[in-house]
């Protein structure tokens, strides 16, 4: 079962990413190490596989 967009947002926030806003349903997150992630969709929508993969990859990169 895919995660919800709100779950990805929580994961990013807990990993130290800051929501920098965005237009429409897009949210731009930035980490102090210069890593960026853009998440699109309403909070209750199912996340796409590529979105989950990108979030996990960026969180791993932020831990290095």
PDB file of N, CA and C in Angstrom:
ATOM      1  N   UNK A   1       0.851  -1.180   0.000  1.00  0.00           N
ATOM      2  CA  UNK A   1       0.000   0.000   0.000  1.00  0.00           C
ATOM      3  C   UNK A   1       0.899   1.246   0.000  1.00  0.00           C
ATOM      4  N   UNK A   2       0.667   2.159  -0.910  1.00  0.00           N
ATOM      5  CA  UNK A   2       1.528   3.355  -0.972  1.00  0.00           C
ATOM      6  C   UNK A   2       1.296   4.286   0.212  1.00  0.00           C
ATOM      7  N   UNK A   3       2.333   5.027   0.546  1.00  0.00           N
ATOM      8  CA  UNK A   3       2.233   6.020   1.606  1.00  0.00           C
ATOM      9  C   UNK A   3       1.415   7.202   1.095  1.00  0.00           C
ATOM     10  N   UNK A   4       0.920   7.998   2.013  1.00  0.00           N
ATOM     11  CA  UNK A   4       0.211   9.222   1.669  1.00  0.00           C
ATOM     12  C   UNK A   4       1.221  10.358   1.559  1.00  0.00           C
ATOM     13  N   UNK A   5       0.864  11.401   0.843  1.00  0.00           N
ATOM     14  CA  UNK A   5       1.722  12.569   0.704  1.00  0.00           C
ATOM     15  C   UNK A   5       2.048  13.140   2.088  1.00  0.00           C
ATOM     16  N   UNK A   6       1.068  13.154   2.986  1.00  0.00           N
ATOM     17  CA  UNK A   6       1.308  13.694   4.331  1.00  0.00           C
ATOM     18  C   UNK A   6       2.371  12.889   5.071  1.00  0.00           C
ATOM     19  N   UNK A   7       2.463  11.565   4.813  1.00  0.00           N
ATOM     20  CA  UNK A   7       3.491  10.732   5.445  1.00  0.00           C
ATOM     21  C   UNK A   7       4.885  11.118   4.953  1.00  0.00           C
ATOM     22  N   UNK A   8       4.998  11.411   3.660  1.00  0.00           N
ATOM     23  CA  UNK A   8       6.286  11.835   3.113  1.00  0.00           C
ATOM     24  C   UNK A   8       6.707  13.173   3.713  1.00  0.00           C
ATOM     25  N   UNK A   9       5.742  14.069   3.896  1.00  0.00           N
ATOM     26  CA  UNK A   9       6.036  15.378   4.480  1.00  0.00           C
ATOM     27  C   UNK A   9       6.540  15.211   5.911  1.00  0.00           C
ATOM     28  N   UNK A  10       5.909  14.336   6.669  1.00  0.00           N
ATOM     29  CA  UNK A  10       6.347  14.079   8.048  1.00  0.00           C
ATOM     30  C   UNK A  10       7.755  13.501   8.062  1.00  0.00           C
ATOM     31  N   UNK A  11       8.029  12.559   7.168  1.00  0.00           N
ATOM     32  CA  UNK A  11       9.362  11.955   7.097  1.00  0.00           C
ATOM     33  C   UNK A  11      10.424  13.015   6.812  1.00  0.00           C
ATOM     34  N   UNK A  12      10.143  13.892   5.863  1.00  0.00           N
ATOM     35  CA  UNK A  12      11.101  14.945   5.515  1.00  0.00           C
ATOM     36  C   UNK A  12      11.303  15.914   6.681  1.00  0.00           C
ATOM     37  N   UNK A  13      10.235  16.299   7.325  1.00  0.00           N
ATOM     38  CA  UNK A  13      10.331  17.242   8.435  1.00  0.00           C
ATOM     39  C   UNK A  13      11.144  16.647   9.584  1.00  0.00           C
ATOM     40  N   UNK A  14      10.923  15.376   9.882  1.00  0.00           N
ATOM     41  CA  UNK A  14      11.658  14.720  10.957  1.00  0.00           C
ATOM     42  C   UNK A  14      13.137  14.570  10.618  1.00  0.00           C
ATOM     43  N   UNK A  15      13.464  14.518   9.327  1.00  0.00           N
ATOM     44  CA  UNK A  15      14.853  14.366   8.900  1.00  0.00           C
ATOM     45  C   UNK A  15      15.569  15.719   8.814  1.00  0.00           C
ATOM     46  N   UNK A  16      14.871  16.811   9.131  1.00  0.00           N
ATOM     47  CA  UNK A  16      15.514  18.115   9.163  1.00  0.00           C
ATOM     48  C   UNK A  16      15.287  18.974   7.937  1.00  0.00           C
ATOM     49  N   UNK A  17      14.379  18.567   7.060  1.00  0.00           N
ATOM     50  CA  UNK A  17      14.056  19.366   5.884  1.00  0.00           C
ATOM     51  C   UNK A  17      13.049  20.439   6.278  1.00  0.00           C
ATOM     52  N   UNK A  18      13.146  21.599   5.644  1.00  0.00           N
ATOM     53  CA  UNK A  18      12.259  22.725   5.929  1.00  0.00           C
ATOM     54  C   UNK A  18      11.371  22.980   4.715  1.00  0.00           C
ATOM     55  N   UNK A  19      10.080  23.166   4.968  1.00  0.00           N
ATOM     56  CA  UNK A  19       9.136  23.455   3.894  1.00  0.00           C
ATOM     57  C   UNK A  19       9.345  24.896   3.441  1.00  0.00           C
ATOM     58  N   UNK A  20       9.727  25.078   2.188  1.00  0.00           N
ATOM     59  CA  UNK A  20       9.991  26.408   1.646  1.00  0.00           C
ATOM     60  C   UNK A  20       8.821  26.928   0.827  1.00  0.00           C
ATOM     61  N   UNK A  21       7.660  26.280   0.922  1.00  0.00           N
ATOM     62  CA  UNK A  21       6.479  26.728   0.180  1.00  0.00           C
ATOM     63  C   UNK A  21       6.475  26.199  -1.234  1.00  0.00           C
ATOM     64  N   UNK A  22       5.598  26.736  -2.051  1.00  0.00           N
ATOM     65  CA  UNK A  22       5.479  26.311  -3.435  1.00  0.00           C
ATOM     66  C   UNK A  22       4.187  26.850  -4.021  1.00  0.00           C
ATOM     67  N   UNK A  23       3.927  26.489  -5.263  1.00  0.00           N
ATOM     68  CA  UNK A  23       2.717  26.944  -5.946  1.00  0.00           C
ATOM     69  C   UNK A  23       1.741  25.782  -6.079  1.00  0.00           C
ATOM     70  N   UNK A  24       0.497  26.062  -5.837  1.00  0.00           N
ATOM     71  CA  UNK A  24      -0.532  25.041  -6.000  1.00  0.00           C
ATOM     72  C   UNK A  24      -0.325  23.890  -5.033  1.00  0.00           C
ATOM     73  N   UNK A  25      -0.281  22.679  -5.563  1.00  0.00           N
ATOM     74  CA  UNK A  25      -0.135  21.498  -4.717  1.00  0.00           C
ATOM     75  C   UNK A  25       1.333  21.100  -4.542  1.00  0.00           C
ATOM     76  N   UNK A  26       2.256  21.923  -4.991  1.00  0.00           N
ATOM     77  CA  UNK A  26       3.685  21.617  -4.876  1.00  0.00           C
ATOM     78  C   UNK A  26       4.263  22.207  -3.595  1.00  0.00           C
ATOM     79  N   UNK A  27       5.131  21.424  -2.956  1.00  0.00           N
ATOM     80  CA  UNK A  27       5.839  21.870  -1.763  1.00  0.00           C
ATOM     81  C   UNK A  27       7.314  21.607  -1.965  1.00  0.00           C
ATOM     82  N   UNK A  28       8.120  22.622  -1.695  1.00  0.00           N
ATOM     83  CA  UNK A  28       9.568  22.508  -1.861  1.00  0.00           C
ATOM     84  C   UNK A  28      10.214  22.400  -0.488  1.00  0.00           C
ATOM     85  N   UNK A  29      10.980  21.343  -0.301  1.00  0.00           N
ATOM     86  CA  UNK A  29      11.672  21.125   0.957  1.00  0.00           C
ATOM     87  C   UNK A  29      13.163  21.273   0.731  1.00  0.00           C
ATOM     88  N   UNK A  30      13.833  21.900   1.707  1.00  0.00           N
ATOM     89  CA  UNK A  30      15.272  22.103   1.595  1.00  0.00           C
ATOM     90  C   UNK A  30      15.936  21.726   2.912  1.00  0.00           C
ATOM     91  N   UNK A  31      17.104  21.095   2.811  1.00  0.00           N
ATOM     92  CA  UNK A  31      17.893  20.715   3.975  1.00  0.00           C
ATOM     93  C   UNK A  31      19.068  21.671   4.092  1.00  0.00           C
ATOM     94  N   UNK A  32      19.613  21.810   5.278  1.00  0.00           N
ATOM     95  CA  UNK A  32      20.744  22.713   5.495  1.00  0.00           C
ATOM     96  C   UNK A  32      21.978  22.292   4.699  1.00  0.00           C
ATOM     97  N   UNK A  33      22.039  21.036   4.272  1.00  0.00           N
ATOM     98  CA  UNK A  33      23.160  20.557   3.459  1.00  0.00           C
ATOM     99  C   UNK A  33      22.985  20.894   1.980  1.00  0.00           C
ATOM    100  N   UNK A  34      21.913  21.593   1.645  1.00  0.00           N
ATOM    101  CA  UNK A  34      21.676  21.991   0.265  1.00  0.00           C
ATOM    102  C   UNK A  34      20.846  21.011  -0.545  1.00  0.00           C
ATOM    103  N   UNK A  35      20.311  19.999   0.100  1.00  0.00           N
ATOM    104  CA  UNK A  35      19.478  19.015  -0.603  1.00  0.00           C
ATOM    105  C   UNK A  35      18.072  19.565  -0.780  1.00  0.00           C
ATOM    106  N   UNK A  36      17.482  19.297  -1.943  1.00  0.00           N
ATOM    107  CA  UNK A  36      16.136  19.781  -2.247  1.00  0.00           C
ATOM    108  C   UNK A  36      15.246  18.639  -2.706  1.00  0.00           C
ATOM    109  N   UNK A  37      13.972  18.726  -2.332  1.00  0.00           N
ATOM    110  CA  UNK A  37      12.961  17.757  -2.755  1.00  0.00           C
ATOM    111  C   UNK A  37      11.677  18.528  -3.019  1.00  0.00           C
ATOM    112  N   UNK A  38      11.004  18.215  -4.113  1.00  0.00           N
ATOM    113  CA  UNK A  38       9.696  18.798  -4.406  1.00  0.00           C
ATOM    114  C   UNK A  38       8.662  17.678  -4.360  1.00  0.00           C
ATOM    115  N   UNK A  39       7.621  17.904  -3.573  1.00  0.00           N
ATOM    116  CA  UNK A  39       6.523  16.949  -3.438  1.00  0.00           C
ATOM    117  C   UNK A  39       5.277  17.604  -4.011  1.00  0.00           C
ATOM    118  N   UNK A  40       4.571  16.894  -4.873  1.00  0.00           N
ATOM    119  CA  UNK A  40       3.334  17.427  -5.437  1.00  0.00           C
ATOM    120  C   UNK A  40       2.172  16.511  -5.081  1.00  0.00           C
ATOM    121  N   UNK A  41       1.023  17.106  -4.900  1.00  0.00           N
ATOM    122  CA  UNK A  41      -0.180  16.355  -4.588  1.00  0.00           C
ATOM    123  C   UNK A  41      -0.822  16.850  -3.315  1.00  0.00           C
ATOM    124  N   UNK A  42      -2.086  16.531  -3.163  1.00  0.00           N
ATOM    125  CA  UNK A  42      -2.808  16.887  -1.944  1.00  0.00           C
ATOM    126  C   UNK A  42      -2.358  15.962  -0.818  1.00  0.00           C
ATOM    127  N   UNK A  43      -2.493  16.411   0.414  1.00  0.00           N
ATOM    128  CA  UNK A  43      -1.974  15.637   1.540  1.00  0.00           C
ATOM    129  C   UNK A  43      -2.604  14.257   1.673  1.00  0.00           C
ATOM    130  N   UNK A  44      -3.842  14.095   1.266  1.00  0.00           N
ATOM    131  CA  UNK A  44      -4.518  12.805   1.385  1.00  0.00           C
ATOM    132  C   UNK A  44      -4.307  11.875   0.204  1.00  0.00           C
ATOM    133  N   UNK A  45      -3.619  12.352  -0.841  1.00  0.00           N
ATOM    134  CA  UNK A  45      -3.378  11.521  -2.030  1.00  0.00           C
ATOM    135  C   UNK A  45      -2.324  10.453  -1.756  1.00  0.00           C
ATOM    136  N   UNK A  46      -2.422   9.362  -2.500  1.00  0.00           N
ATOM    137  CA  UNK A  46      -1.375   8.340  -2.439  1.00  0.00           C
ATOM    138  C   UNK A  46      -0.135   8.871  -3.145  1.00  0.00           C
ATOM    139  N   UNK A  47       1.021   8.621  -2.540  1.00  0.00           N
ATOM    140  CA  UNK A  47       2.279   9.046  -3.147  1.00  0.00           C
ATOM    141  C   UNK A  47       2.650   8.087  -4.272  1.00  0.00           C
ATOM    142  N   UNK A  48       3.240   8.624  -5.307  1.00  0.00           N
ATOM    143  CA  UNK A  48       3.724   7.804  -6.422  1.00  0.00           C
ATOM    144  C   UNK A  48       5.015   7.112  -5.992  1.00  0.00           C
ATOM    145  N   UNK A  49       5.334   6.023  -6.644  1.00  0.00           N
ATOM    146  CA  UNK A  49       6.533   5.252  -6.293  1.00  0.00           C
ATOM    147  C   UNK A  49       7.794   6.107  -6.424  1.00  0.00           C
ATOM    148  N   UNK A  50       7.864   6.946  -7.472  1.00  0.00           N
ATOM    149  CA  UNK A  50       9.056   7.767  -7.661  1.00  0.00           C
ATOM    150  C   UNK A  50       9.189   8.813  -6.556  1.00  0.00           C
ATOM    151  N   UNK A  51       8.065   9.273  -6.005  1.00  0.00           N
ATOM    152  CA  UNK A  51       8.120  10.252  -4.914  1.00  0.00           C
ATOM    153  C   UNK A  51       8.670   9.606  -3.642  1.00  0.00           C
ATOM    154  N   UNK A  52       8.189   8.407  -3.330  1.00  0.00           N
ATOM    155  CA  UNK A  52       8.683   7.693  -2.155  1.00  0.00           C
ATOM    156  C   UNK A  52      10.179   7.408  -2.296  1.00  0.00           C
ATOM    157  N   UNK A  53      10.584   6.984  -3.487  1.00  0.00           N
ATOM    158  CA  UNK A  53      11.988   6.662  -3.730  1.00  0.00           C
ATOM    159  C   UNK A  53      12.867   7.893  -3.565  1.00  0.00           C
ATOM    160  N   UNK A  54      12.429   9.030  -4.112  1.00  0.00           N
ATOM    161  CA  UNK A  54      13.216  10.257  -4.019  1.00  0.00           C
ATOM    162  C   UNK A  54      13.336  10.736  -2.577  1.00  0.00           C
ATOM    163  N   UNK A  55      12.236  10.665  -1.820  1.00  0.00           N
ATOM    164  CA  UNK A  55      12.263  11.105  -0.420  1.00  0.00           C
ATOM    165  C   UNK A  55      13.231  10.244   0.385  1.00  0.00           C
ATOM    166  N   UNK A  56      13.160   8.935   0.203  1.00  0.00           N
ATOM    167  CA  UNK A  56      14.061   8.035   0.935  1.00  0.00           C
ATOM    168  C   UNK A  56      15.517   8.292   0.565  1.00  0.00           C
ATOM    169  N   UNK A  57      15.775   8.530  -0.715  1.00  0.00           N
ATOM    170  CA  UNK A  57      17.133   8.806  -1.174  1.00  0.00           C
ATOM    171  C   UNK A  57      17.667  10.095  -0.561  1.00  0.00           C
ATOM    172  N   UNK A  58      16.875  11.158  -0.573  1.00  0.00           N
ATOM    173  CA  UNK A  58      17.310  12.454  -0.010  1.00  0.00           C
ATOM    174  C   UNK A  58      17.527  12.360   1.496  1.00  0.00           C
ATOM    175  N   UNK A  59      16.693  11.602   2.193  1.00  0.00           N
ATOM    176  CA  UNK A  59      16.871  11.446   3.636  1.00  0.00           C
ATOM    177  C   UNK A  59      18.184  10.707   3.907  1.00  0.00           C
ATOM    178  N   UNK A  60      18.482   9.679   3.129  1.00  0.00           N
ATOM    179  CA  UNK A  60      19.744   8.961   3.295  1.00  0.00           C
ATOM    180  C   UNK A  60      20.930   9.880   3.028  1.00  0.00           C
ATOM    181  N   UNK A  61      20.831  10.712   1.993  1.00  0.00           N
ATOM    182  CA  UNK A  61      21.906  11.649   1.667  1.00  0.00           C
ATOM    183  C   UNK A  61      22.110  12.668   2.782  1.00  0.00           C
ATOM    184  N   UNK A  62      21.033  13.049   3.443  1.00  0.00           N
ATOM    185  CA  UNK A  62      21.142  14.061   4.508  1.00  0.00           C
ATOM    186  C   UNK A  62      21.831  13.492   5.744  1.00  0.00           C
ATOM    187  N   UNK A  63      21.846  12.180   5.886  1.00  0.00           N
ATOM    188  CA  UNK A  63      22.464  11.542   7.061  1.00  0.00           C
ATOM    189  C   UNK A  63      23.971  11.357   6.891  1.00  0.00           C
ATOM    190  N   UNK A  64      24.485  11.550   5.696  1.00  0.00           N
ATOM    191  CA  UNK A  64      25.913  11.343   5.429  1.00  0.00           C
ATOM    192  C   UNK A  64      26.740  12.498   5.931  1.00  0.00           C
TER     193      UNK A  64
END
